[in-house]
């Protein structure tokens, strides 16, 4: 299938606000300003579906996006923004924890890491948290266009080591600007659909959609 219609569904704080769990979901986690919204827009060929912001910490809710009525992308609250209270950070953590541990239709969690930087303590905690919840913890290393090919290769090794990823752990360098890695991500998503015996296959699509 080629994606024909992708749309925002709802921003949720509480479980009672989640849309019905009839569709499989793929979640994206990462630090504030790591590029989650840009990645979602790039994957779906939409420029403004997921709202990007130059202000870190704006994504404080669980944002659900419907793709052709077949599956959803879920943008989790950004973490790691210093200019918020401890109480607010704890609240974001509770929001993420509730979603990860109560959403039976959640297939996988992708963690985004800025490839230019060594993972922070919060990045490491998030990765361990995702793994503890029973997911593979596939890592998407964003902003790969900012580095040379040699630097990308080196940073992938650093990220994998710092997160203590297993030898077979999947880490994908991606650039929302150049679209490098876009179809590698889709190949992984299609493999997840197949592994879960879902009759969904997303084809490559080059034309932009609004």
N, C-alpha and C. Protein backbone atom coordinates (compact mmCIF):
# COMPACT_ATOMS: atom_id res chain seq x y z
N UNK A 1 0.84 -1.20 0.00
CA UNK A 1 0.00 0.00 0.00
C UNK A 1 0.87 1.25 0.00
N UNK A 2 0.37 2.26 -0.68
CA UNK A 2 0.97 3.58 -0.57
C UNK A 2 0.10 4.39 0.38
N UNK A 3 0.73 5.17 1.25
CA UNK A 3 -0.03 5.94 2.22
C UNK A 3 -0.82 7.02 1.49
N UNK A 4 -2.13 7.02 1.71
CA UNK A 4 -3.00 7.99 1.06
C UNK A 4 -3.47 9.07 2.02
N UNK A 5 -3.64 8.70 3.28
CA UNK A 5 -4.19 9.66 4.22
C UNK A 5 -3.57 9.47 5.61
N UNK A 6 -2.89 10.48 6.09
CA UNK A 6 -2.36 10.46 7.45
C UNK A 6 -2.86 11.70 8.15
N UNK A 7 -3.33 11.54 9.38
CA UNK A 7 -3.92 12.68 10.06
C UNK A 7 -3.72 12.61 11.56
N UNK A 8 -3.67 13.78 12.18
CA UNK A 8 -3.60 13.88 13.63
C UNK A 8 -4.92 13.43 14.23
N UNK A 9 -4.83 12.66 15.33
CA UNK A 9 -6.04 12.15 15.98
C UNK A 9 -6.34 12.90 17.26
N UNK A 10 -5.40 12.86 18.21
CA UNK A 10 -5.64 13.49 19.51
C UNK A 10 -4.34 13.63 20.28
N UNK A 11 -4.27 14.61 21.16
CA UNK A 11 -3.20 14.73 22.14
C UNK A 11 -3.77 14.30 23.48
N UNK A 12 -3.14 13.32 24.12
CA UNK A 12 -3.70 12.74 25.34
C UNK A 12 -2.75 12.91 26.52
N UNK A 13 -3.31 13.07 27.69
CA UNK A 13 -2.56 13.05 28.94
C UNK A 13 -2.85 11.77 29.69
N UNK A 14 -4.13 11.43 29.79
CA UNK A 14 -4.58 10.26 30.55
C UNK A 14 -4.97 9.12 29.61
N UNK A 15 -4.93 7.92 30.15
CA UNK A 15 -5.28 6.72 29.38
C UNK A 15 -6.70 6.81 28.84
N UNK A 16 -7.58 7.44 29.59
CA UNK A 16 -8.98 7.56 29.17
C UNK A 16 -9.13 8.38 27.90
N UNK A 17 -8.10 9.15 27.56
CA UNK A 17 -8.15 9.98 26.35
C UNK A 17 -7.57 9.29 25.12
N UNK A 18 -6.93 8.13 25.31
CA UNK A 18 -6.36 7.41 24.17
C UNK A 18 -7.47 7.00 23.21
N UNK A 19 -7.18 6.97 21.91
CA UNK A 19 -8.15 6.42 20.97
C UNK A 19 -8.31 4.91 21.18
N UNK A 20 -9.37 4.31 20.67
CA UNK A 20 -9.56 2.86 20.83
C UNK A 20 -8.32 2.08 20.39
N UNK A 21 -8.04 0.97 21.06
CA UNK A 21 -6.81 0.22 20.81
C UNK A 21 -6.95 -0.83 19.71
N UNK A 22 -7.84 -0.56 18.76
CA UNK A 22 -8.08 -1.53 17.69
C UNK A 22 -6.97 -1.56 16.64
N UNK A 23 -6.17 -0.50 16.55
CA UNK A 23 -5.12 -0.41 15.53
C UNK A 23 -3.75 -0.59 16.16
N UNK A 24 -2.81 -1.25 15.45
CA UNK A 24 -1.43 -1.36 15.95
C UNK A 24 -0.77 0.01 15.98
N UNK A 25 0.12 0.21 16.97
CA UNK A 25 0.78 1.50 17.13
C UNK A 25 2.29 1.35 17.21
N UNK A 26 2.98 2.35 16.70
CA UNK A 26 4.43 2.45 16.76
C UNK A 26 4.76 3.78 17.41
N UNK A 27 5.52 3.74 18.51
CA UNK A 27 5.78 4.94 19.29
C UNK A 27 7.20 5.45 19.07
N UNK A 28 7.36 6.76 19.21
CA UNK A 28 8.65 7.42 19.06
C UNK A 28 8.97 8.20 20.33
N UNK A 29 10.12 7.88 20.93
CA UNK A 29 10.55 8.54 22.16
C UNK A 29 11.88 9.23 21.92
N UNK A 30 12.15 10.28 22.68
CA UNK A 30 13.42 10.97 22.52
C UNK A 30 13.46 12.27 23.29
N UNK A 31 14.66 12.81 23.42
CA UNK A 31 14.83 14.08 24.10
C UNK A 31 14.12 15.20 23.35
N UNK A 32 13.81 16.25 24.09
CA UNK A 32 13.22 17.43 23.46
C UNK A 32 14.15 17.94 22.36
N UNK A 33 13.58 18.27 21.21
CA UNK A 33 14.33 18.85 20.09
C UNK A 33 15.24 17.84 19.37
N UNK A 34 15.00 16.54 19.57
CA UNK A 34 15.81 15.54 18.87
C UNK A 34 15.32 15.33 17.44
N UNK A 35 14.10 15.78 17.15
CA UNK A 35 13.59 15.69 15.79
C UNK A 35 12.49 14.68 15.58
N UNK A 36 11.70 14.39 16.61
CA UNK A 36 10.62 13.41 16.46
C UNK A 36 9.56 13.87 15.47
N UNK A 37 9.13 15.11 15.60
CA UNK A 37 8.10 15.62 14.68
C UNK A 37 8.62 15.65 13.25
N UNK A 38 9.86 16.08 13.06
CA UNK A 38 10.44 16.13 11.72
C UNK A 38 10.53 14.72 11.12
N UNK A 39 10.87 13.74 11.95
CA UNK A 39 10.96 12.35 11.47
C UNK A 39 9.60 11.85 11.02
N UNK A 40 8.58 12.08 11.85
CA UNK A 40 7.23 11.63 11.51
C UNK A 40 6.77 12.28 10.21
N UNK A 41 6.99 13.57 10.06
CA UNK A 41 6.62 14.26 8.83
C UNK A 41 7.35 13.70 7.62
N UNK A 42 8.63 13.42 7.79
CA UNK A 42 9.43 12.89 6.70
C UNK A 42 8.96 11.48 6.29
N UNK A 43 8.71 10.63 7.28
CA UNK A 43 8.26 9.26 6.98
C UNK A 43 6.93 9.26 6.24
N UNK A 44 6.07 10.22 6.56
CA UNK A 44 4.73 10.25 5.98
C UNK A 44 4.61 11.20 4.79
N UNK A 45 5.73 11.80 4.38
CA UNK A 45 5.72 12.77 3.28
C UNK A 45 4.76 13.91 3.55
N UNK A 46 4.75 14.38 4.78
CA UNK A 46 3.90 15.51 5.16
C UNK A 46 4.77 16.58 5.80
N UNK A 47 4.63 17.81 5.36
CA UNK A 47 5.49 18.87 5.87
C UNK A 47 5.04 19.39 7.24
N UNK A 48 3.75 19.40 7.49
CA UNK A 48 3.29 20.03 8.72
C UNK A 48 2.34 19.21 9.56
N UNK A 49 2.32 17.90 9.36
CA UNK A 49 1.39 17.06 10.12
C UNK A 49 1.73 17.10 11.61
N UNK A 50 2.97 16.69 11.92
CA UNK A 50 3.44 16.79 13.30
C UNK A 50 4.08 18.15 13.46
N UNK A 51 3.63 18.91 14.43
CA UNK A 51 4.09 20.28 14.59
C UNK A 51 5.49 20.32 15.20
N UNK A 52 6.41 20.93 14.49
CA UNK A 52 7.77 21.09 15.00
C UNK A 52 7.87 22.41 15.75
N UNK A 53 8.84 22.49 16.65
CA UNK A 53 9.02 23.70 17.43
C UNK A 53 10.49 23.91 17.72
N UNK A 54 10.91 25.17 17.70
CA UNK A 54 12.28 25.49 18.07
C UNK A 54 12.43 25.59 19.58
N UNK A 55 11.31 25.46 20.29
CA UNK A 55 11.32 25.54 21.75
C UNK A 55 11.31 24.14 22.34
N UNK A 56 12.42 23.68 22.93
CA UNK A 56 12.45 22.35 23.52
C UNK A 56 11.40 22.22 24.62
N UNK A 57 10.85 21.00 24.73
CA UNK A 57 9.91 20.75 25.80
C UNK A 57 8.47 21.00 25.42
N UNK A 58 8.21 21.34 24.16
CA UNK A 58 6.84 21.65 23.77
C UNK A 58 5.96 20.40 23.75
N UNK A 59 6.52 19.27 23.32
CA UNK A 59 5.74 18.04 23.26
C UNK A 59 5.60 17.47 24.66
N UNK A 60 4.49 17.76 25.31
CA UNK A 60 4.27 17.33 26.67
C UNK A 60 3.11 16.35 26.77
N UNK A 61 2.58 15.94 25.62
CA UNK A 61 1.43 15.06 25.57
C UNK A 61 1.76 13.85 24.71
N UNK A 62 0.89 12.85 24.74
CA UNK A 62 1.01 11.71 23.85
C UNK A 62 0.18 12.03 22.61
N UNK A 63 0.85 12.22 21.47
CA UNK A 63 0.18 12.62 20.24
C UNK A 63 -0.01 11.42 19.32
N UNK A 64 -1.23 11.19 18.90
CA UNK A 64 -1.59 10.05 18.07
C UNK A 64 -1.85 10.50 16.63
N UNK A 65 -1.28 9.75 15.66
CA UNK A 65 -1.48 10.03 14.24
C UNK A 65 -1.98 8.77 13.54
N UNK A 66 -3.07 8.91 12.80
CA UNK A 66 -3.67 7.78 12.09
C UNK A 66 -3.11 7.71 10.67
N UNK A 67 -2.74 6.50 10.25
CA UNK A 67 -2.24 6.29 8.89
C UNK A 67 -3.18 5.34 8.17
N UNK A 68 -3.99 5.90 7.28
CA UNK A 68 -4.92 5.14 6.43
C UNK A 68 -5.87 4.24 7.22
N UNK A 69 -6.11 4.55 8.47
CA UNK A 69 -7.02 3.72 9.26
C UNK A 69 -6.49 2.33 9.53
N UNK A 70 -5.18 2.13 9.29
CA UNK A 70 -4.59 0.79 9.44
C UNK A 70 -3.65 0.70 10.64
N UNK A 71 -2.93 1.78 10.94
CA UNK A 71 -2.03 1.80 12.09
C UNK A 71 -1.81 3.24 12.51
N UNK A 72 -1.12 3.41 13.65
CA UNK A 72 -0.87 4.76 14.16
C UNK A 72 0.59 4.96 14.50
N UNK A 73 1.05 6.19 14.34
CA UNK A 73 2.30 6.65 14.94
C UNK A 73 1.93 7.37 16.23
N UNK A 74 2.78 7.22 17.24
CA UNK A 74 2.53 7.87 18.52
C UNK A 74 3.79 8.62 18.95
N UNK A 75 3.66 9.92 19.12
CA UNK A 75 4.77 10.79 19.52
C UNK A 75 4.69 10.98 21.03
N UNK A 76 5.67 10.42 21.75
CA UNK A 76 5.68 10.50 23.21
C UNK A 76 6.29 11.81 23.69
N UNK A 77 5.96 12.25 24.91
CA UNK A 77 6.51 13.51 25.43
C UNK A 77 8.04 13.53 25.39
N UNK A 78 8.59 14.66 24.93
CA UNK A 78 10.04 14.81 24.92
C UNK A 78 10.58 14.93 26.33
N UNK A 79 11.73 14.34 26.58
CA UNK A 79 12.33 14.40 27.90
C UNK A 79 13.67 15.14 27.82
N UNK A 80 14.24 15.45 28.98
CA UNK A 80 15.57 16.04 29.00
C UNK A 80 15.62 17.55 28.89
N UNK A 81 14.48 18.21 28.99
CA UNK A 81 14.48 19.67 28.91
C UNK A 81 14.68 20.23 30.31
N UNK A 82 15.74 21.02 30.48
CA UNK A 82 16.17 21.44 31.82
C UNK A 82 15.25 22.47 32.46
N UNK A 83 14.62 23.32 31.66
CA UNK A 83 13.88 24.46 32.21
C UNK A 83 12.44 24.13 32.60
N UNK A 84 12.28 22.98 33.26
CA UNK A 84 10.98 22.64 33.83
C UNK A 84 11.21 22.12 35.24
N UNK A 85 10.17 22.12 36.03
CA UNK A 85 10.29 21.69 37.42
C UNK A 85 10.43 20.17 37.51
N UNK A 86 10.92 19.72 38.65
CA UNK A 86 11.03 18.27 38.89
C UNK A 86 9.65 17.62 38.85
N UNK A 87 8.65 18.35 39.33
CA UNK A 87 7.29 17.82 39.33
C UNK A 87 6.80 17.61 37.90
N UNK A 88 7.13 18.56 37.00
CA UNK A 88 6.72 18.44 35.61
C UNK A 88 7.44 17.28 34.93
N UNK A 89 8.73 17.14 35.22
CA UNK A 89 9.48 16.01 34.67
C UNK A 89 8.89 14.69 35.14
N UNK A 90 8.54 14.61 36.42
CA UNK A 90 7.95 13.39 36.96
C UNK A 90 6.61 13.10 36.29
N UNK A 91 5.85 14.16 36.01
CA UNK A 91 4.56 13.98 35.36
C UNK A 91 4.72 13.43 33.95
N UNK A 92 5.71 13.99 33.19
CA UNK A 92 5.97 13.46 31.85
C UNK A 92 6.36 11.98 31.92
N UNK A 93 7.18 11.64 32.94
CA UNK A 93 7.58 10.25 33.12
C UNK A 93 6.39 9.36 33.37
N UNK A 94 5.44 9.83 34.17
CA UNK A 94 4.24 9.05 34.47
C UNK A 94 3.39 8.86 33.22
N UNK A 95 3.33 9.92 32.39
CA UNK A 95 2.55 9.83 31.15
C UNK A 95 3.15 8.77 30.22
N UNK A 96 4.48 8.79 30.09
CA UNK A 96 5.15 7.80 29.23
C UNK A 96 4.99 6.40 29.80
N UNK A 97 5.18 6.26 31.12
CA UNK A 97 5.08 4.96 31.77
C UNK A 97 3.69 4.35 31.59
N UNK A 98 2.67 5.17 31.76
CA UNK A 98 1.30 4.69 31.59
C UNK A 98 1.08 4.17 30.18
N UNK A 99 1.55 4.92 29.20
CA UNK A 99 1.36 4.49 27.81
C UNK A 99 2.11 3.19 27.53
N UNK A 100 3.38 3.12 27.91
CA UNK A 100 4.20 1.94 27.59
C UNK A 100 3.67 0.68 28.26
N UNK A 101 3.13 0.81 29.44
CA UNK A 101 2.76 -0.38 30.22
C UNK A 101 1.29 -0.77 30.13
N UNK A 102 0.48 0.04 29.45
CA UNK A 102 -0.94 -0.29 29.38
C UNK A 102 -1.47 -0.42 27.96
N UNK A 103 -0.63 -0.17 26.99
CA UNK A 103 -1.11 -0.15 25.60
C UNK A 103 -0.81 -1.49 24.93
N UNK A 104 -1.78 -2.39 24.92
CA UNK A 104 -1.56 -3.75 24.40
C UNK A 104 -1.32 -3.77 22.90
N UNK A 105 -1.79 -2.76 22.18
CA UNK A 105 -1.63 -2.72 20.73
C UNK A 105 -0.34 -2.04 20.29
N UNK A 106 0.54 -1.72 21.24
CA UNK A 106 1.82 -1.09 20.91
C UNK A 106 2.81 -2.16 20.44
N UNK A 107 3.25 -2.03 19.19
CA UNK A 107 4.15 -3.03 18.60
C UNK A 107 5.61 -2.80 18.97
N UNK A 108 6.05 -1.54 18.95
CA UNK A 108 7.47 -1.24 19.16
C UNK A 108 7.65 0.23 19.51
N UNK A 109 8.75 0.50 20.21
CA UNK A 109 9.12 1.87 20.55
C UNK A 109 10.47 2.19 19.89
N UNK A 110 10.49 3.24 19.10
CA UNK A 110 11.71 3.72 18.48
C UNK A 110 12.26 4.85 19.36
N UNK A 111 13.53 4.75 19.73
CA UNK A 111 14.14 5.83 20.50
C UNK A 111 15.03 6.66 19.59
N UNK A 112 14.81 7.96 19.60
CA UNK A 112 15.61 8.87 18.78
C UNK A 112 16.75 9.45 19.60
N UNK A 113 17.94 9.42 19.01
CA UNK A 113 19.15 9.98 19.62
C UNK A 113 19.81 10.91 18.60
N UNK A 114 20.19 12.09 19.01
CA UNK A 114 20.93 13.01 18.13
C UNK A 114 22.32 12.42 17.89
N UNK A 115 22.61 12.07 16.65
CA UNK A 115 23.84 11.36 16.32
C UNK A 115 25.08 12.18 16.64
N UNK A 116 24.95 13.48 16.79
CA UNK A 116 26.11 14.34 17.03
C UNK A 116 26.61 14.28 18.47
N UNK A 117 25.80 13.72 19.35
CA UNK A 117 26.14 13.77 20.76
C UNK A 117 26.16 12.38 21.40
N UNK A 118 26.96 12.25 22.44
CA UNK A 118 26.97 11.03 23.23
C UNK A 118 25.66 10.96 24.02
N UNK A 119 25.02 9.80 24.08
CA UNK A 119 23.76 9.68 24.83
C UNK A 119 23.90 10.18 26.27
N UNK A 120 22.90 10.91 26.72
CA UNK A 120 22.89 11.42 28.08
C UNK A 120 22.42 10.35 29.05
N UNK A 121 22.49 10.66 30.33
CA UNK A 121 21.98 9.74 31.34
C UNK A 121 20.51 9.45 31.13
N UNK A 122 19.75 10.49 30.73
CA UNK A 122 18.31 10.28 30.49
C UNK A 122 18.07 9.42 29.26
N UNK A 123 18.92 9.56 28.24
CA UNK A 123 18.81 8.69 27.07
C UNK A 123 19.02 7.23 27.48
N UNK A 124 20.02 7.00 28.32
CA UNK A 124 20.32 5.64 28.77
C UNK A 124 19.17 5.08 29.60
N UNK A 125 18.61 5.91 30.46
CA UNK A 125 17.47 5.48 31.28
C UNK A 125 16.27 5.14 30.40
N UNK A 126 16.03 5.97 29.37
CA UNK A 126 14.91 5.73 28.48
C UNK A 126 15.08 4.42 27.72
N UNK A 127 16.29 4.17 27.25
CA UNK A 127 16.54 2.93 26.51
C UNK A 127 16.33 1.72 27.42
N UNK A 128 16.86 1.78 28.63
CA UNK A 128 16.69 0.67 29.57
C UNK A 128 15.22 0.49 29.92
N UNK A 129 14.50 1.59 30.02
CA UNK A 129 13.07 1.57 30.33
C UNK A 129 12.30 0.87 29.21
N UNK A 130 12.61 1.24 27.97
CA UNK A 130 11.94 0.63 26.82
C UNK A 130 12.20 -0.87 26.79
N UNK A 131 13.44 -1.26 27.02
CA UNK A 131 13.79 -2.68 27.02
C UNK A 131 13.09 -3.42 28.16
N UNK A 132 13.02 -2.78 29.32
CA UNK A 132 12.39 -3.41 30.48
C UNK A 132 10.89 -3.63 30.24
N UNK A 133 10.31 -2.81 29.38
CA UNK A 133 8.89 -2.95 29.05
C UNK A 133 8.65 -4.04 28.01
N UNK A 134 9.73 -4.67 27.54
CA UNK A 134 9.61 -5.80 26.64
C UNK A 134 9.77 -5.48 25.16
N UNK A 135 10.20 -4.26 24.85
CA UNK A 135 10.38 -3.88 23.45
C UNK A 135 11.85 -3.99 23.04
N UNK A 136 12.09 -4.01 21.74
CA UNK A 136 13.45 -4.15 21.23
C UNK A 136 14.28 -2.89 21.45
N UNK A 137 13.61 -1.74 21.42
CA UNK A 137 14.35 -0.50 21.57
C UNK A 137 15.18 -0.20 20.34
N UNK A 138 14.51 -0.10 19.19
CA UNK A 138 15.19 0.25 17.95
C UNK A 138 15.59 1.73 18.02
N UNK A 139 16.83 2.02 17.71
CA UNK A 139 17.34 3.39 17.84
C UNK A 139 17.43 4.05 16.47
N UNK A 140 16.91 5.27 16.38
CA UNK A 140 17.05 6.08 15.18
C UNK A 140 17.98 7.24 15.52
N UNK A 141 19.13 7.28 14.88
CA UNK A 141 20.12 8.33 15.12
C UNK A 141 19.86 9.47 14.15
N UNK A 142 19.29 10.56 14.68
CA UNK A 142 18.83 11.66 13.83
C UNK A 142 19.95 12.63 13.45
N UNK A 143 19.64 13.46 12.46
CA UNK A 143 20.51 14.55 12.01
C UNK A 143 21.85 14.05 11.46
N UNK A 144 21.80 12.91 10.75
CA UNK A 144 23.02 12.31 10.20
C UNK A 144 23.67 13.18 9.12
N UNK A 145 22.90 14.10 8.54
CA UNK A 145 23.45 14.97 7.51
C UNK A 145 24.45 15.98 8.08
N UNK A 146 24.48 16.11 9.40
CA UNK A 146 25.39 17.07 10.03
C UNK A 146 26.81 16.52 10.17
N UNK A 147 26.99 15.23 9.88
CA UNK A 147 28.30 14.59 10.04
C UNK A 147 28.76 13.96 8.74
N UNK A 148 30.07 13.71 8.64
CA UNK A 148 30.61 12.98 7.49
C UNK A 148 30.29 11.49 7.65
N UNK A 149 30.47 10.73 6.59
CA UNK A 149 30.19 9.30 6.66
C UNK A 149 31.05 8.61 7.71
N UNK A 150 32.31 9.01 7.80
CA UNK A 150 33.20 8.42 8.81
C UNK A 150 32.74 8.78 10.22
N UNK A 151 32.33 10.02 10.40
CA UNK A 151 31.84 10.45 11.70
C UNK A 151 30.55 9.72 12.08
N UNK A 152 29.69 9.51 11.10
CA UNK A 152 28.45 8.78 11.35
C UNK A 152 28.76 7.38 11.85
N UNK A 153 29.67 6.69 11.16
CA UNK A 153 30.04 5.33 11.54
C UNK A 153 30.60 5.29 12.97
N UNK A 154 31.43 6.26 13.29
CA UNK A 154 32.03 6.31 14.63
C UNK A 154 30.97 6.59 15.69
N UNK A 155 30.08 7.52 15.42
CA UNK A 155 29.06 7.88 16.41
C UNK A 155 28.06 6.75 16.64
N UNK A 156 27.78 5.97 15.61
CA UNK A 156 26.89 4.83 15.79
C UNK A 156 27.49 3.83 16.78
N UNK A 157 28.80 3.65 16.71
CA UNK A 157 29.48 2.77 17.65
C UNK A 157 29.41 3.32 19.07
N UNK A 158 29.59 4.64 19.20
CA UNK A 158 29.54 5.29 20.51
C UNK A 158 28.16 5.14 21.13
N UNK A 159 27.12 5.41 20.33
CA UNK A 159 25.75 5.33 20.83
C UNK A 159 25.42 3.91 21.26
N UNK A 160 25.79 2.96 20.43
CA UNK A 160 25.49 1.56 20.74
C UNK A 160 26.18 1.12 22.03
N UNK A 161 27.43 1.56 22.21
CA UNK A 161 28.17 1.21 23.42
C UNK A 161 27.58 1.88 24.65
N UNK A 162 27.28 3.18 24.55
CA UNK A 162 26.78 3.93 25.70
C UNK A 162 25.41 3.43 26.15
N UNK A 163 24.58 3.03 25.21
CA UNK A 163 23.25 2.53 25.55
C UNK A 163 23.29 1.06 25.97
N UNK A 164 24.46 0.43 25.81
CA UNK A 164 24.62 -0.99 26.10
C UNK A 164 23.63 -1.82 25.28
N UNK A 165 23.56 -1.49 24.01
CA UNK A 165 22.68 -2.23 23.10
C UNK A 165 23.22 -3.62 22.86
N UNK A 166 22.37 -4.61 22.66
CA UNK A 166 22.84 -5.96 22.34
C UNK A 166 23.53 -5.98 20.99
N UNK A 167 24.30 -7.02 20.73
CA UNK A 167 25.05 -7.11 19.47
C UNK A 167 24.13 -7.01 18.26
N UNK A 168 22.91 -7.56 18.39
CA UNK A 168 21.99 -7.53 17.26
C UNK A 168 21.03 -6.34 17.32
N UNK A 169 21.31 -5.39 18.22
CA UNK A 169 20.46 -4.21 18.34
C UNK A 169 20.47 -3.39 17.06
N UNK A 170 19.32 -2.85 16.70
CA UNK A 170 19.18 -2.10 15.45
C UNK A 170 19.31 -0.61 15.71
N UNK A 171 20.23 0.03 14.98
CA UNK A 171 20.39 1.48 15.05
C UNK A 171 20.48 2.02 13.63
N UNK A 172 19.68 3.03 13.31
CA UNK A 172 19.53 3.51 11.95
C UNK A 172 19.86 5.00 11.88
N UNK A 173 20.90 5.39 11.12
CA UNK A 173 21.17 6.82 10.92
C UNK A 173 20.14 7.41 9.95
N UNK A 174 19.58 8.54 10.32
CA UNK A 174 18.51 9.14 9.53
C UNK A 174 18.70 10.66 9.47
N UNK A 175 18.33 11.23 8.34
CA UNK A 175 18.29 12.69 8.21
C UNK A 175 16.93 13.09 7.67
N UNK A 176 16.20 13.90 8.42
CA UNK A 176 14.91 14.39 7.93
C UNK A 176 15.10 15.42 6.83
N UNK A 177 16.30 16.00 6.75
CA UNK A 177 16.59 16.99 5.71
C UNK A 177 16.87 16.34 4.37
N UNK A 178 17.72 15.33 4.34
CA UNK A 178 18.09 14.68 3.09
C UNK A 178 17.27 13.42 2.82
N UNK A 179 16.51 12.97 3.84
CA UNK A 179 15.70 11.75 3.77
C UNK A 179 16.53 10.48 3.76
N UNK A 180 17.81 10.60 4.03
CA UNK A 180 18.64 9.40 4.17
C UNK A 180 18.10 8.54 5.32
N UNK A 181 17.99 7.25 5.07
CA UNK A 181 17.53 6.32 6.09
C UNK A 181 16.02 6.14 6.14
N UNK A 182 15.29 6.94 5.36
CA UNK A 182 13.82 6.88 5.40
C UNK A 182 13.31 5.48 5.11
N UNK A 183 13.80 4.87 4.04
CA UNK A 183 13.26 3.57 3.66
C UNK A 183 13.85 2.43 4.48
N UNK A 184 14.96 2.66 5.13
CA UNK A 184 15.46 1.67 6.08
C UNK A 184 14.49 1.58 7.26
N UNK A 185 14.01 2.75 7.72
CA UNK A 185 13.02 2.76 8.80
C UNK A 185 11.75 2.05 8.36
N UNK A 186 11.29 2.34 7.15
CA UNK A 186 10.07 1.69 6.68
C UNK A 186 10.26 0.18 6.52
N UNK A 187 11.45 -0.24 6.10
CA UNK A 187 11.72 -1.69 6.01
C UNK A 187 11.59 -2.34 7.38
N UNK A 188 12.10 -1.66 8.40
CA UNK A 188 12.01 -2.19 9.77
C UNK A 188 10.55 -2.23 10.22
N UNK A 189 9.79 -1.18 9.90
CA UNK A 189 8.38 -1.15 10.27
C UNK A 189 7.61 -2.26 9.57
N UNK A 190 7.87 -2.46 8.28
CA UNK A 190 7.20 -3.55 7.55
C UNK A 190 7.55 -4.91 8.15
N UNK A 191 8.81 -5.07 8.59
CA UNK A 191 9.22 -6.32 9.23
C UNK A 191 8.47 -6.53 10.55
N UNK A 192 8.22 -5.44 11.27
CA UNK A 192 7.44 -5.54 12.51
C UNK A 192 6.01 -5.96 12.22
N UNK A 193 5.43 -5.39 11.18
CA UNK A 193 4.07 -5.79 10.80
C UNK A 193 4.03 -7.29 10.47
N UNK A 194 5.01 -7.74 9.70
CA UNK A 194 5.06 -9.15 9.31
C UNK A 194 5.24 -10.06 10.52
N UNK A 195 6.14 -9.65 11.44
CA UNK A 195 6.40 -10.45 12.63
C UNK A 195 5.16 -10.58 13.51
N UNK A 196 4.30 -9.57 13.45
CA UNK A 196 3.06 -9.59 14.23
C UNK A 196 1.86 -10.09 13.42
N UNK A 197 2.17 -10.68 12.26
CA UNK A 197 1.16 -11.30 11.40
C UNK A 197 0.06 -10.30 11.00
N UNK A 198 0.51 -9.10 10.68
CA UNK A 198 -0.41 -8.07 10.22
C UNK A 198 -0.27 -7.91 8.71
N UNK A 199 -1.39 -7.84 8.03
CA UNK A 199 -1.38 -7.74 6.57
C UNK A 199 -1.25 -6.28 6.15
N UNK A 200 -0.10 -5.69 6.51
CA UNK A 200 0.19 -4.29 6.17
C UNK A 200 1.59 -4.22 5.59
N UNK A 201 1.71 -3.68 4.41
CA UNK A 201 3.01 -3.44 3.79
C UNK A 201 3.00 -2.05 3.18
N UNK A 202 3.87 -1.19 3.66
CA UNK A 202 3.94 0.17 3.15
C UNK A 202 4.97 0.25 2.03
N UNK A 203 4.54 0.69 0.87
CA UNK A 203 5.40 0.78 -0.29
C UNK A 203 6.18 2.10 -0.27
N UNK A 204 7.25 2.13 -1.03
CA UNK A 204 8.01 3.37 -1.17
C UNK A 204 7.17 4.38 -1.92
N UNK A 205 7.22 5.61 -1.44
CA UNK A 205 6.45 6.67 -2.09
C UNK A 205 7.33 7.92 -2.18
N UNK A 206 7.46 8.40 -3.37
CA UNK A 206 8.37 9.52 -3.61
C UNK A 206 7.66 10.85 -3.73
N UNK A 207 6.41 10.83 -4.13
CA UNK A 207 5.68 12.08 -4.30
C UNK A 207 5.34 12.68 -2.94
N UNK A 208 5.50 13.99 -2.83
CA UNK A 208 5.15 14.64 -1.57
C UNK A 208 3.65 14.75 -1.44
N UNK A 209 3.19 14.72 -0.18
CA UNK A 209 1.77 14.83 0.08
C UNK A 209 1.54 15.93 1.11
N UNK A 210 0.43 16.59 0.99
CA UNK A 210 0.11 17.65 1.96
C UNK A 210 -1.22 17.33 2.62
